[in-house]
Amino acid sequence: MDLKLATEIAKCLSNPTRLQIMEWLKEPETHFPPHETLQHFNDGVCVTYIQEKAGLSQSTISTYLTNMEKCSLLVLTRHGKWSYFKRNEETLKEFSEFIL
């Protein structure tokens, strides 16, 4: 991991809501219902559920999630009109090793 990416990740994680989202996504089955169609969390959590739990506008959550995906904190999977996000554990491990 290079310094530029580590800095972008640190910026993303400096926001309490984005940090909370990362915590929720660590154990999605504890914090979210499974999507009606998929009934599992293999591809992550539907954006709608993240937005509802955070209590913020759809546009704010979309911006947060997009920024988190851009710095590889999250992985996006689409199923039709639905977007799902899950943590990128590999990036989190690399970031942790970089700062330790």
PDB file of N, CA and C in Angstrom:
ATOM      1  N   MET A   1       0.855  -1.176   0.000  1.00  0.00           N
ATOM      2  CA  MET A   1       0.000   0.000   0.000  1.00  0.00           C
ATOM      3  C   MET A   1       0.894   1.229   0.000  1.00  0.00           C
ATOM      4  N   ASP A   2       0.519   2.207  -0.823  1.00  0.00           N
ATOM      5  CA  ASP A   2       1.313   3.435  -0.862  1.00  0.00           C
ATOM      6  C   ASP A   2       0.695   4.500   0.045  1.00  0.00           C
ATOM      7  N   LEU A   3       1.466   5.533   0.271  1.00  0.00           N
ATOM      8  CA  LEU A   3       1.056   6.604   1.180  1.00  0.00           C
ATOM      9  C   LEU A   3      -0.213   7.310   0.701  1.00  0.00           C
ATOM     10  N   LYS A   4      -0.340   7.507  -0.601  1.00  0.00           N
ATOM     11  CA  LYS A   4      -1.514   8.198  -1.142  1.00  0.00           C
ATOM     12  C   LYS A   4      -2.799   7.434  -0.827  1.00  0.00           C
ATOM     13  N   LEU A   5      -2.813   6.123  -1.077  1.00  0.00           N
ATOM     14  CA  LEU A   5      -4.001   5.318  -0.791  1.00  0.00           C
ATOM     15  C   LEU A   5      -4.276   5.270   0.710  1.00  0.00           C
ATOM     16  N   ALA A   6      -3.231   5.109   1.509  1.00  0.00           N
ATOM     17  CA  ALA A   6      -3.405   5.079   2.971  1.00  0.00           C
ATOM     18  C   ALA A   6      -4.018   6.381   3.466  1.00  0.00           C
ATOM     19  N   THR A   7      -3.604   7.494   2.882  1.00  0.00           N
ATOM     20  CA  THR A   7      -4.152   8.798   3.264  1.00  0.00           C
ATOM     21  C   THR A   7      -5.628   8.902   2.896  1.00  0.00           C
ATOM     22  N   GLU A   8      -6.002   8.423   1.706  1.00  0.00           N
ATOM     23  CA  GLU A   8      -7.405   8.447   1.287  1.00  0.00           C
ATOM     24  C   GLU A   8      -8.268   7.567   2.190  1.00  0.00           C
ATOM     25  N   ILE A   9      -7.758   6.421   2.551  1.00  0.00           N
ATOM     26  CA  ILE A   9      -8.489   5.530   3.459  1.00  0.00           C
ATOM     27  C   ILE A   9      -8.665   6.199   4.815  1.00  0.00           C
ATOM     28  N   ALA A  10      -7.617   6.809   5.322  1.00  0.00           N
ATOM     29  CA  ALA A  10      -7.700   7.499   6.615  1.00  0.00           C
ATOM     30  C   ALA A  10      -8.732   8.614   6.569  1.00  0.00           C
ATOM     31  N   LYS A  11      -8.798   9.349   5.454  1.00  0.00           N
ATOM     32  CA  LYS A  11      -9.806  10.403   5.306  1.00  0.00           C
ATOM     33  C   LYS A  11     -11.210   9.815   5.358  1.00  0.00           C
ATOM     34  N   CYS A  12     -11.412   8.710   4.647  1.00  0.00           N
ATOM     35  CA  CYS A  12     -12.737   8.072   4.652  1.00  0.00           C
ATOM     36  C   CYS A  12     -13.126   7.635   6.058  1.00  0.00           C
ATOM     37  N   LEU A  13     -12.176   7.075   6.768  1.00  0.00           N
ATOM     38  CA  LEU A  13     -12.472   6.548   8.099  1.00  0.00           C
ATOM     39  C   LEU A  13     -12.535   7.624   9.176  1.00  0.00           C
ATOM     40  N   SER A  14     -12.213   8.859   8.821  1.00  0.00           N
ATOM     41  CA  SER A  14     -12.268   9.942   9.809  1.00  0.00           C
ATOM     42  C   SER A  14     -13.690  10.452  10.032  1.00  0.00           C
ATOM     43  N   ASN A  15     -14.623  10.016   9.196  1.00  0.00           N
ATOM     44  CA  ASN A  15     -16.024  10.412   9.320  1.00  0.00           C
ATOM     45  C   ASN A  15     -16.751   9.381  10.189  1.00  0.00           C
ATOM     46  N   PRO A  16     -17.432   9.808  11.253  1.00  0.00           N
ATOM     47  CA  PRO A  16     -18.080   8.851  12.157  1.00  0.00           C
ATOM     48  C   PRO A  16     -19.102   7.947  11.467  1.00  0.00           C
ATOM     49  N   THR A  17     -19.863   8.469  10.524  1.00  0.00           N
ATOM     50  CA  THR A  17     -20.870   7.640   9.841  1.00  0.00           C
ATOM     51  C   THR A  17     -20.204   6.591   8.972  1.00  0.00           C
ATOM     52  N   ARG A  18     -19.169   6.975   8.242  1.00  0.00           N
ATOM     53  CA  ARG A  18     -18.472   6.000   7.399  1.00  0.00           C
ATOM     54  C   ARG A  18     -17.801   4.927   8.250  1.00  0.00           C
ATOM     55  N   LEU A  19     -17.258   5.327   9.375  1.00  0.00           N
ATOM     56  CA  LEU A  19     -16.658   4.350  10.284  1.00  0.00           C
ATOM     57  C   LEU A  19     -17.728   3.413  10.845  1.00  0.00           C
ATOM     58  N   GLN A  20     -18.893   3.962  11.148  1.00  0.00           N
ATOM     59  CA  GLN A  20     -20.009   3.150  11.640  1.00  0.00           C
ATOM     60  C   GLN A  20     -20.456   2.152  10.573  1.00  0.00           C
ATOM     61  N   ILE A  21     -20.515   2.595   9.329  1.00  0.00           N
ATOM     62  CA  ILE A  21     -20.887   1.693   8.231  1.00  0.00           C
ATOM     63  C   ILE A  21     -19.902   0.531   8.157  1.00  0.00           C
ATOM     64  N   MET A  22     -18.622   0.814   8.291  1.00  0.00           N
ATOM     65  CA  MET A  22     -17.614  -0.252   8.268  1.00  0.00           C
ATOM     66  C   MET A  22     -17.847  -1.238   9.417  1.00  0.00           C
ATOM     67  N   GLU A  23     -18.214  -0.715  10.561  1.00  0.00           N
ATOM     68  CA  GLU A  23     -18.492  -1.589  11.703  1.00  0.00           C
ATOM     69  C   GLU A  23     -19.732  -2.446  11.439  1.00  0.00           C
ATOM     70  N   TRP A  24     -20.785  -1.832  10.914  1.00  0.00           N
ATOM     71  CA  TRP A  24     -22.005  -2.592  10.600  1.00  0.00           C
ATOM     72  C   TRP A  24     -21.720  -3.692   9.590  1.00  0.00           C
ATOM     73  N   LEU A  25     -20.927  -3.381   8.579  1.00  0.00           N
ATOM     74  CA  LEU A  25     -20.657  -4.345   7.517  1.00  0.00           C
ATOM     75  C   LEU A  25     -19.718  -5.462   7.958  1.00  0.00           C
ATOM     76  N   LYS A  26     -19.077  -5.283   9.097  1.00  0.00           N
ATOM     77  CA  LYS A  26     -18.222  -6.347   9.627  1.00  0.00           C
ATOM     78  C   LYS A  26     -19.064  -7.577   9.970  1.00  0.00           C
ATOM     79  N   GLU A  27     -20.258  -7.347  10.511  1.00  0.00           N
ATOM     80  CA  GLU A  27     -21.190  -8.425  10.850  1.00  0.00           C
ATOM     81  C   GLU A  27     -22.579  -8.051  10.329  1.00  0.00           C
ATOM     82  N   PRO A  28     -22.779  -8.118   9.016  1.00  0.00           N
ATOM     83  CA  PRO A  28     -24.036  -7.635   8.434  1.00  0.00           C
ATOM     84  C   PRO A  28     -25.277  -8.376   8.933  1.00  0.00           C
ATOM     85  N   GLU A  29     -25.139  -9.656   9.217  1.00  0.00           N
ATOM     86  CA  GLU A  29     -26.298 -10.424   9.682  1.00  0.00           C
ATOM     87  C   GLU A  29     -26.807  -9.931  11.037  1.00  0.00           C
ATOM     88  N   THR A  30     -25.962  -9.266  11.810  1.00  0.00           N
ATOM     89  CA  THR A  30     -26.344  -8.711  13.101  1.00  0.00           C
ATOM     90  C   THR A  30     -27.057  -7.371  12.956  1.00  0.00           C
ATOM     91  N   HIS A  31     -26.720  -6.618  11.911  1.00  0.00           N
ATOM     92  CA  HIS A  31     -27.195  -5.241  11.791  1.00  0.00           C
ATOM     93  C   HIS A  31     -28.236  -5.002  10.695  1.00  0.00           C
ATOM     94  N   PHE A  32     -28.393  -5.958   9.777  1.00  0.00           N
ATOM     95  CA  PHE A  32     -29.294  -5.751   8.637  1.00  0.00           C
ATOM     96  C   PHE A  32     -30.126  -6.996   8.363  1.00  0.00           C
ATOM     97  N   PRO A  33     -31.331  -6.793   7.789  1.00  0.00           N
ATOM     98  CA  PRO A  33     -32.088  -7.951   7.322  1.00  0.00           C
ATOM     99  C   PRO A  33     -31.533  -8.388   5.967  1.00  0.00           C
ATOM    100  N   PRO A  34     -31.626  -9.677   5.614  1.00  0.00           N
ATOM    101  CA  PRO A  34     -31.197 -10.077   4.272  1.00  0.00           C
ATOM    102  C   PRO A  34     -32.142  -9.484   3.232  1.00  0.00           C
ATOM    103  N   HIS A  35     -31.611  -9.174   2.067  1.00  0.00           N
ATOM    104  CA  HIS A  35     -32.443  -8.609   1.003  1.00  0.00           C
ATOM    105  C   HIS A  35     -33.533  -9.608   0.629  1.00  0.00           C
ATOM    106  N   GLU A  36     -34.723  -9.094   0.310  1.00  0.00           N
ATOM    107  CA  GLU A  36     -35.887  -9.931   0.016  1.00  0.00           C
ATOM    108  C   GLU A  36     -35.603 -10.972  -1.057  1.00  0.00           C
ATOM    109  N   THR A  37     -34.856 -10.598  -2.085  1.00  0.00           N
ATOM    110  CA  THR A  37     -34.606 -11.486  -3.208  1.00  0.00           C
ATOM    111  C   THR A  37     -33.465 -12.451  -2.941  1.00  0.00           C
ATOM    112  N   LEU A  38     -32.343 -11.943  -2.428  1.00  0.00           N
ATOM    113  CA  LEU A  38     -31.147 -12.779  -2.284  1.00  0.00           C
ATOM    114  C   LEU A  38     -31.158 -13.647  -1.036  1.00  0.00           C
ATOM    115  N   GLN A  39     -31.663 -13.120   0.068  1.00  0.00           N
ATOM    116  CA  GLN A  39     -31.729 -13.846   1.336  1.00  0.00           C
ATOM    117  C   GLN A  39     -30.368 -14.273   1.889  1.00  0.00           C
ATOM    118  N   HIS A  40     -29.295 -13.543   1.522  1.00  0.00           N
ATOM    119  CA  HIS A  40     -27.964 -13.804   2.064  1.00  0.00           C
ATOM    120  C   HIS A  40     -27.134 -12.531   1.977  1.00  0.00           C
ATOM    121  N   PHE A  41     -25.930 -12.585   2.553  1.00  0.00           N
ATOM    122  CA  PHE A  41     -25.043 -11.425   2.559  1.00  0.00           C
ATOM    123  C   PHE A  41     -23.754 -11.675   1.772  1.00  0.00           C
ATOM    124  N   ASN A  42     -23.739 -12.698   0.921  1.00  0.00           N
ATOM    125  CA  ASN A  42     -22.523 -13.019   0.165  1.00  0.00           C
ATOM    126  C   ASN A  42     -22.022 -11.837  -0.654  1.00  0.00           C
ATOM    127  N   ASP A  43     -22.943 -11.056  -1.192  1.00  0.00           N
ATOM    128  CA  ASP A  43     -22.575  -9.902  -2.015  1.00  0.00           C
ATOM    129  C   ASP A  43     -22.618  -8.597  -1.242  1.00  0.00           C
ATOM    130  N   GLY A  44     -22.910  -8.664   0.038  1.00  0.00           N
ATOM    131  CA  GLY A  44     -22.950  -7.470   0.873  1.00  0.00           C
ATOM    132  C   GLY A  44     -24.364  -7.083   1.274  1.00  0.00           C
ATOM    133  N   VAL A  45     -24.520  -5.805   1.595  1.00  0.00           N
ATOM    134  CA  VAL A  45     -25.778  -5.262   2.097  1.00  0.00           C
ATOM    135  C   VAL A  45     -26.321  -4.265   1.081  1.00  0.00           C
ATOM    136  N   CYS A  46     -27.611  -4.314   0.864  1.00  0.00           N
ATOM    137  CA  CYS A  46     -28.275  -3.397  -0.059  1.00  0.00           C
ATOM    138  C   CYS A  46     -28.122  -1.953   0.439  1.00  0.00           C
ATOM    139  N   VAL A  47     -27.842  -1.046  -0.490  1.00  0.00           N
ATOM    140  CA  VAL A  47     -27.660   0.364  -0.150  1.00  0.00           C
ATOM    141  C   VAL A  47     -28.862   0.912   0.614  1.00  0.00           C
ATOM    142  N   THR A  48     -30.051   0.490   0.239  1.00  0.00           N
ATOM    143  CA  THR A  48     -31.272   0.968   0.901  1.00  0.00           C
ATOM    144  C   THR A  48     -31.228   0.702   2.399  1.00  0.00           C
ATOM    145  N   TYR A  49     -30.769  -0.482   2.789  1.00  0.00           N
ATOM    146  CA  TYR A  49     -30.701  -0.820   4.208  1.00  0.00           C
ATOM    147  C   TYR A  49     -29.647   0.006   4.938  1.00  0.00           C
ATOM    148  N   ILE A  50     -28.532   0.251   4.273  1.00  0.00           N
ATOM    149  CA  ILE A  50     -27.480   1.076   4.880  1.00  0.00           C
ATOM    150  C   ILE A  50     -28.008   2.490   5.094  1.00  0.00           C
ATOM    151  N   GLN A  51     -28.677   3.023   4.086  1.00  0.00           N
ATOM    152  CA  GLN A  51     -29.221   4.378   4.158  1.00  0.00           C
ATOM    153  C   GLN A  51     -30.259   4.501   5.273  1.00  0.00           C
ATOM    154  N   GLU A  52     -31.146   3.521   5.374  1.00  0.00           N
ATOM    155  CA  GLU A  52     -32.172   3.556   6.421  1.00  0.00           C
ATOM    156  C   GLU A  52     -31.549   3.495   7.812  1.00  0.00           C
ATOM    157  N   LYS A  53     -30.556   2.625   7.989  1.00  0.00           N
ATOM    158  CA  LYS A  53     -29.930   2.479   9.313  1.00  0.00           C
ATOM    159  C   LYS A  53     -29.153   3.736   9.696  1.00  0.00           C
ATOM    160  N   ALA A  54     -28.493   4.355   8.728  1.00  0.00           N
ATOM    161  CA  ALA A  54     -27.712   5.561   9.006  1.00  0.00           C
ATOM    162  C   ALA A  54     -28.609   6.770   9.244  1.00  0.00           C
ATOM    163  N   GLY A  55     -29.814   6.752   8.695  1.00  0.00           N
ATOM    164  CA  GLY A  55     -30.733   7.869   8.884  1.00  0.00           C
ATOM    165  C   GLY A  55     -30.334   9.125   8.131  1.00  0.00           C
ATOM    166  N   LEU A  56     -29.574   8.950   7.067  1.00  0.00           N
ATOM    167  CA  LEU A  56     -29.152  10.082   6.246  1.00  0.00           C
ATOM    168  C   LEU A  56     -29.803   9.985   4.873  1.00  0.00           C
ATOM    169  N   SER A  57     -29.709  11.056   4.108  1.00  0.00           N
ATOM    170  CA  SER A  57     -30.326  11.065   2.782  1.00  0.00           C
ATOM    171  C   SER A  57     -29.652  10.055   1.863  1.00  0.00           C
ATOM    172  N   GLN A  58     -30.399   9.650   0.852  1.00  0.00           N
ATOM    173  CA  GLN A  58     -29.880   8.693  -0.121  1.00  0.00           C
ATOM    174  C   GLN A  58     -28.644   9.259  -0.820  1.00  0.00           C
ATOM    175  N   SER A  59     -28.673  10.540  -1.149  1.00  0.00           N
ATOM    176  CA  SER A  59     -27.536  11.140  -1.858  1.00  0.00           C
ATOM    177  C   SER A  59     -26.285  11.180  -0.980  1.00  0.00           C
ATOM    178  N   THR A  60     -26.448  11.461   0.303  1.00  0.00           N
ATOM    179  CA  THR A  60     -25.302  11.486   1.217  1.00  0.00           C
ATOM    180  C   THR A  60     -24.689  10.098   1.352  1.00  0.00           C
ATOM    181  N   ILE A  61     -25.529   9.102   1.566  1.00  0.00           N
ATOM    182  CA  ILE A  61     -25.038   7.726   1.705  1.00  0.00           C
ATOM    183  C   ILE A  61     -24.380   7.260   0.408  1.00  0.00           C
ATOM    184  N   SER A  62     -24.982   7.586  -0.725  1.00  0.00           N
ATOM    185  CA  SER A  62     -24.388   7.205  -2.010  1.00  0.00           C
ATOM    186  C   SER A  62     -22.998   7.815  -2.175  1.00  0.00           C
ATOM    187  N   THR A  63     -22.849   9.078  -1.794  1.00  0.00           N
ATOM    188  CA  THR A  63     -21.546   9.734  -1.869  1.00  0.00           C
ATOM    189  C   THR A  63     -20.552   9.045  -0.945  1.00  0.00           C
ATOM    190  N   TYR A  64     -20.962   8.765   0.278  1.00  0.00           N
ATOM    191  CA  TYR A  64     -20.082   8.084   1.229  1.00  0.00           C
ATOM    192  C   TYR A  64     -19.626   6.729   0.671  1.00  0.00           C
ATOM    193  N   LEU A  65     -20.585   5.930   0.200  1.00  0.00           N
ATOM    194  CA  LEU A  65     -20.262   4.586  -0.273  1.00  0.00           C
ATOM    195  C   LEU A  65     -19.395   4.625  -1.520  1.00  0.00           C
ATOM    196  N   THR A  66     -19.667   5.562  -2.415  1.00  0.00           N
ATOM    197  CA  THR A  66     -18.853   5.703  -3.623  1.00  0.00           C
ATOM    198  C   THR A  66     -17.412   6.053  -3.264  1.00  0.00           C
ATOM    199  N   ASN A  67     -17.235   6.984  -2.339  1.00  0.00           N
ATOM    200  CA  ASN A  67     -15.882   7.359  -1.911  1.00  0.00           C
ATOM    201  C   ASN A  67     -15.168   6.188  -1.238  1.00  0.00           C
ATOM    202  N   MET A  68     -15.908   5.420  -0.462  1.00  0.00           N
ATOM    203  CA  MET A  68     -15.320   4.264   0.208  1.00  0.00           C
ATOM    204  C   MET A  68     -14.940   3.180  -0.805  1.00  0.00           C
ATOM    205  N   GLU A  69     -15.731   3.048  -1.852  1.00  0.00           N
ATOM    206  CA  GLU A  69     -15.401   2.088  -2.908  1.00  0.00           C
ATOM    207  C   GLU A  69     -14.175   2.554  -3.697  1.00  0.00           C
ATOM    208  N   LYS A  70     -14.092   3.850  -3.970  1.00  0.00           N
ATOM    209  CA  LYS A  70     -12.968   4.390  -4.747  1.00  0.00           C
ATOM    210  C   LYS A  70     -11.627   4.138  -4.081  1.00  0.00           C
ATOM    211  N   CYS A  71     -11.591   4.135  -2.757  1.00  0.00           N
ATOM    212  CA  CYS A  71     -10.323   3.857  -2.078  1.00  0.00           C
ATOM    213  C   CYS A  71     -10.240   2.394  -1.630  1.00  0.00           C
ATOM    214  N   SER A  72     -11.083   1.555  -2.213  1.00  0.00           N
ATOM    215  CA  SER A  72     -11.046   0.096  -2.037  1.00  0.00           C
ATOM    216  C   SER A  72     -11.423  -0.406  -0.649  1.00  0.00           C
ATOM    217  N   LEU A  73     -12.090   0.421   0.141  1.00  0.00           N
ATOM    218  CA  LEU A  73     -12.586  -0.062   1.433  1.00  0.00           C
ATOM    219  C   LEU A  73     -13.785  -0.988   1.255  1.00  0.00           C
ATOM    220  N   LEU A  74     -14.568  -0.742   0.206  1.00  0.00           N
ATOM    221  CA  LEU A  74     -15.774  -1.516  -0.055  1.00  0.00           C
ATOM    222  C   LEU A  74     -15.733  -2.116  -1.452  1.00  0.00           C
ATOM    223  N   VAL A  75     -16.460  -3.219  -1.608  1.00  0.00           N
ATOM    224  CA  VAL A  75     -16.636  -3.872  -2.899  1.00  0.00           C
ATOM    225  C   VAL A  75     -18.112  -3.741  -3.276  1.00  0.00           C
ATOM    226  N   LEU A  76     -18.362  -3.288  -4.496  1.00  0.00           N
ATOM    227  CA  LEU A  76     -19.717  -3.102  -5.004  1.00  0.00           C
ATOM    228  C   LEU A  76     -20.099  -4.271  -5.891  1.00  0.00           C
ATOM    229  N   THR A  77     -21.320  -4.796  -5.676  1.00  0.00           N
ATOM    230  CA  THR A  77     -21.908  -5.810  -6.542  1.00  0.00           C
ATOM    231  C   THR A  77     -23.310  -5.343  -6.888  1.00  0.00           C
ATOM    232  N   ARG A  78     -23.670  -5.471  -8.149  1.00  0.00           N
ATOM    233  CA  ARG A  78     -25.013  -5.072  -8.585  1.00  0.00           C
ATOM    234  C   ARG A  78     -25.806  -6.299  -9.010  1.00  0.00           C
ATOM    235  N   HIS A  79     -27.068  -6.300  -8.615  1.00  0.00           N
ATOM    236  CA  HIS A  79     -28.037  -7.301  -9.057  1.00  0.00           C
ATOM    237  C   HIS A  79     -29.240  -6.527  -9.558  1.00  0.00           C
ATOM    238  N   GLY A  80     -29.380  -6.414 -10.868  1.00  0.00           N
ATOM    239  CA  GLY A  80     -30.468  -5.622 -11.424  1.00  0.00           C
ATOM    240  C   GLY A  80     -30.337  -4.177 -10.983  1.00  0.00           C
ATOM    241  N   LYS A  81     -31.412  -3.660 -10.400  1.00  0.00           N
ATOM    242  CA  LYS A  81     -31.387  -2.266  -9.937  1.00  0.00           C
ATOM    243  C   LYS A  81     -30.815  -2.112  -8.528  1.00  0.00           C
ATOM    244  N   TRP A  82     -30.465  -3.206  -7.892  1.00  0.00           N
ATOM    245  CA  TRP A  82     -29.984  -3.166  -6.512  1.00  0.00           C
ATOM    246  C   TRP A  82     -28.468  -3.140  -6.460  1.00  0.00           C
ATOM    247  N   SER A  83     -27.924  -2.314  -5.568  1.00  0.00           N
ATOM    248  CA  SER A  83     -26.483  -2.234  -5.331  1.00  0.00           C
ATOM    249  C   SER A  83     -26.182  -2.730  -3.924  1.00  0.00           C
ATOM    250  N   TYR A  84     -25.151  -3.559  -3.820  1.00  0.00           N
ATOM    251  CA  TYR A  84     -24.755  -4.151  -2.551  1.00  0.00           C
ATOM    252  C   TYR A  84     -23.301  -3.817  -2.267  1.00  0.00           C
ATOM    253  N   PHE A  85     -23.022  -3.551  -1.008  1.00  0.00           N
ATOM    254  CA  PHE A  85     -21.652  -3.252  -0.599  1.00  0.00           C
ATOM    255  C   PHE A  85     -21.233  -4.188   0.518  1.00  0.00           C
ATOM    256  N   LYS A  86     -19.956  -4.610   0.433  1.00  0.00           N
ATOM    257  CA  LYS A  86     -19.347  -5.360   1.529  1.00  0.00           C
ATOM    258  C   LYS A  86     -17.932  -4.847   1.720  1.00  0.00           C
ATOM    259  N   ARG A  87     -17.388  -5.134   2.878  1.00  0.00           N
ATOM    260  CA  ARG A  87     -16.034  -4.692   3.204  1.00  0.00           C
ATOM    261  C   ARG A  87     -15.018  -5.416   2.331  1.00  0.00           C
ATOM    262  N   ASN A  88     -13.967  -4.706   1.970  1.00  0.00           N
ATOM    263  CA  ASN A  88     -12.842  -5.308   1.268  1.00  0.00           C
ATOM    264  C   ASN A  88     -11.800  -5.660   2.327  1.00  0.00           C
ATOM    265  N   GLU A  89     -11.879  -6.867   2.819  1.00  0.00           N
ATOM    266  CA  GLU A  89     -11.020  -7.289   3.932  1.00  0.00           C
ATOM    267  C   GLU A  89      -9.542  -7.253   3.570  1.00  0.00           C
ATOM    268  N   GLU A  90      -9.215  -7.488   2.304  1.00  0.00           N
ATOM    269  CA  GLU A  90      -7.813  -7.452   1.874  1.00  0.00           C
ATOM    270  C   GLU A  90      -7.240  -6.042   2.027  1.00  0.00           C
ATOM    271  N   THR A  91      -7.998  -5.034   1.609  1.00  0.00           N
ATOM    272  CA  THR A  91      -7.538  -3.648   1.747  1.00  0.00           C
ATOM    273  C   THR A  91      -7.413  -3.270   3.217  1.00  0.00           C
ATOM    274  N   LEU A  92      -8.365  -3.691   4.023  1.00  0.00           N
ATOM    275  CA  LEU A  92      -8.313  -3.382   5.455  1.00  0.00           C
ATOM    276  C   LEU A  92      -7.075  -3.999   6.103  1.00  0.00           C
ATOM    277  N   LYS A  93      -6.735  -5.216   5.695  1.00  0.00           N
ATOM    278  CA  LYS A  93      -5.537  -5.868   6.232  1.00  0.00           C
ATOM    279  C   LYS A  93      -4.286  -5.110   5.802  1.00  0.00           C
ATOM    280  N   GLU A  94      -4.217  -4.727   4.523  1.00  0.00           N
ATOM    281  CA  GLU A  94      -3.061  -3.979   4.030  1.00  0.00           C
ATOM    282  C   GLU A  94      -2.924  -2.627   4.736  1.00  0.00           C
ATOM    283  N   PHE A  95      -4.053  -1.950   4.948  1.00  0.00           N
ATOM    284  CA  PHE A  95      -4.028  -0.663   5.641  1.00  0.00           C
ATOM    285  C   PHE A  95      -3.541  -0.832   7.075  1.00  0.00           C
ATOM    286  N   SER A  96      -4.058  -1.850   7.727  1.00  0.00           N
ATOM    287  CA  SER A  96      -3.656  -2.115   9.104  1.00  0.00           C
ATOM    288  C   SER A  96      -2.153  -2.397   9.184  1.00  0.00           C
ATOM    289  N   GLU A  97      -1.636  -3.188   8.278  1.00  0.00           N
ATOM    290  CA  GLU A  97      -0.197  -3.489   8.264  1.00  0.00           C
ATOM    291  C   GLU A  97       0.614  -2.242   7.938  1.00  0.00           C
ATOM    292  N   PHE A  98       0.097  -1.388   7.075  1.00  0.00           N
ATOM    293  CA  PHE A  98       0.811  -0.168   6.687  1.00  0.00           C
ATOM    294  C   PHE A  98       0.982   0.776   7.871  1.00  0.00           C
ATOM    295  N   ILE A  99      -0.079   0.918   8.675  1.00  0.00           N
ATOM    296  CA  ILE A  99      -0.003   1.894   9.772  1.00  0.00           C
ATOM    297  C   ILE A  99       0.625   1.328  11.037  1.00  0.00           C
ATOM    298  N   LEU A 100       0.770   0.012  11.120  1.00  0.00           N
ATOM    299  CA  LEU A 100       1.367  -0.578  12.328  1.00  0.00           C
ATOM    300  C   LEU A 100       2.835  -0.618  12.228  1.00  0.00           C
TER     301      LEU A 100
END
